[in-house]
Amino acid sequence: MRSISTHVLDISTGRPAAGVPVVIEKKGGEGFARVGGGATDADGRIKDLVAEGKLTEGTYRVTFDTGAYFAASGREGFYPEAAVVFVVKDAAAHYHVPLLLSPFGYSTYRGS
């Protein structure tokens, strides 16, 4: 499976973060260009940020609109967005970029 996916969990509530707007961009030349995006589903997932067959080697940036997510739930967060930059070295592989989120912090790791 050649794709990029994500899963956002709100660790302050212990639940998936549904409705988080997400954009994925690929670096090219001097900057980044959008290659996909969407919003997390009820389980906090987007399974195809970059669809199978469209993934190429390079540097990618996933930006999570955490400000919109917290505003929609009537909460205030410190970080209006969380951006994760990573390198795809094997375009035949699957890349999973999870985000653990709270109003005052976040972390990420390479998932499976």
Protein backbone atom coordinates (compact mmCIF):
# COMPACT_ATOMS: atom_id res chain seq x y z
CA MET A 1 0.00 0.00 0.00
CA ARG A 2 1.62 3.26 -1.16
CA SER A 3 -0.05 6.07 0.73
CA ILE A 4 0.03 8.52 3.62
CA SER A 5 -2.55 8.38 6.39
CA THR A 6 -3.12 10.07 9.75
CA HIS A 7 -4.96 9.52 13.03
CA VAL A 8 -5.59 12.33 15.52
CA LEU A 9 -6.38 11.54 19.14
CA ASP A 10 -7.42 14.21 21.63
CA ILE A 11 -5.62 13.04 24.76
CA SER A 12 -7.40 15.65 26.89
CA THR A 13 -10.71 13.88 26.27
CA GLY A 14 -9.44 10.38 25.58
CA ARG A 15 -11.32 10.33 22.27
CA PRO A 16 -10.59 10.55 18.55
CA ALA A 17 -10.43 14.12 17.25
CA ALA A 18 -13.15 14.24 14.60
CA GLY A 19 -13.38 17.11 12.12
CA VAL A 20 -9.76 18.28 12.24
CA PRO A 21 -8.94 20.01 8.92
CA VAL A 22 -5.68 18.61 7.50
CA VAL A 23 -3.57 19.69 4.52
CA ILE A 24 -0.64 17.78 3.04
CA GLU A 25 1.99 19.46 0.89
CA LYS A 26 5.09 18.30 -0.95
CA LYS A 27 8.27 20.32 -1.11
CA GLY A 28 9.34 21.36 -4.56
CA GLY A 29 11.84 24.03 -5.50
CA GLU A 30 11.60 26.94 -3.07
CA GLY A 31 8.45 25.93 -1.19
CA PHE A 32 5.61 23.50 -0.58
CA ALA A 33 2.64 22.78 -2.86
CA ARG A 34 -0.62 21.20 -1.73
CA VAL A 35 -1.11 17.58 -2.81
CA GLY A 36 -4.11 16.63 -0.69
CA GLY A 37 -6.15 17.14 2.41
CA GLY A 38 -9.44 16.63 4.15
CA ALA A 39 -10.92 16.42 7.62
CA THR A 40 -10.62 13.59 10.12
CA ASP A 41 -13.58 11.22 10.30
CA ALA A 42 -15.50 10.19 13.44
CA ASP A 43 -12.60 7.91 14.40
CA GLY A 44 -10.08 10.78 13.96
CA ARG A 45 -8.63 9.26 10.78
CA ILE A 46 -7.87 10.19 7.21
CA LYS A 47 -6.86 7.05 5.35
CA ASP A 48 -5.73 8.62 2.08
CA LEU A 49 -4.01 11.98 2.49
CA VAL A 50 -1.97 10.97 -0.52
CA ALA A 51 -3.80 8.27 -2.39
CA GLU A 52 -2.25 4.97 -3.36
CA GLY A 53 -0.32 5.33 -6.60
CA LYS A 54 0.21 9.10 -6.15
CA LEU A 55 2.99 8.90 -3.56
CA THR A 56 6.48 9.89 -4.70
CA GLU A 57 9.77 10.29 -2.86
CA GLY A 58 10.41 13.67 -1.27
CA THR A 59 9.75 15.92 1.70
CA TYR A 60 6.16 16.34 2.87
CA ARG A 61 4.44 18.60 5.39
CA VAL A 62 1.16 17.71 7.11
CA THR A 63 -0.57 20.66 8.77
CA PHE A 64 -3.36 20.07 11.28
CA ASP A 65 -5.73 23.01 11.89
CA THR A 66 -5.92 22.49 15.65
CA GLY A 67 -7.35 25.98 16.20
CA ALA A 68 -10.45 25.15 14.15
CA TYR A 69 -10.85 21.83 15.98
CA PHE A 70 -10.73 23.40 19.45
CA ALA A 71 -12.95 26.34 18.40
CA ALA A 72 -15.59 23.90 17.11
CA SER A 73 -15.68 22.21 20.52
CA GLY A 74 -15.84 25.52 22.41
CA ARG A 75 -12.33 25.18 23.80
CA GLU A 76 -9.27 27.32 23.45
CA GLY A 77 -5.90 25.91 22.45
CA PHE A 78 -2.43 27.38 22.58
CA TYR A 79 -1.25 26.13 19.17
CA PRO A 80 -3.45 27.22 16.22
CA GLU A 81 -1.85 24.55 14.06
CA ALA A 82 0.54 21.64 14.25
CA ALA A 83 2.86 21.03 11.29
CA VAL A 84 4.83 17.82 10.82
CA VAL A 85 7.56 17.64 8.17
CA PHE A 86 8.91 14.23 7.15
CA VAL A 87 10.77 12.51 4.33
CA VAL A 88 9.40 9.73 2.11
CA LYS A 89 12.36 7.65 0.97
CA ASP A 90 10.42 4.63 -0.32
CA ALA A 91 7.43 5.51 -2.50
CA ALA A 92 6.30 1.87 -2.35
CA ALA A 93 5.77 2.06 1.43
CA HIS A 94 2.88 3.23 3.59
CA TYR A 95 3.47 6.23 5.87
CA HIS A 96 1.24 6.83 8.89
CA VAL A 97 1.61 10.15 10.72
CA PRO A 98 -0.43 10.16 13.96
CA LEU A 99 -0.97 13.22 16.14
CA LEU A 100 -1.64 13.11 19.88
CA LEU A 101 -3.31 16.41 20.73
CA SER A 102 -4.31 18.46 23.77
CA PRO A 103 -5.10 22.18 24.09
CA PHE A 104 -1.57 22.95 25.30
CA GLY A 105 0.62 20.40 23.55
CA TYR A 106 0.96 17.77 20.85
CA SER A 107 3.28 14.96 19.81
CA THR A 108 3.73 12.76 16.79
CA TYR A 109 5.59 9.63 15.72
CA ARG A 110 5.96 7.35 12.72
CA GLY A 111 3.07 4.95 12.96
CA SER A 112 2.37 1.72 11.14
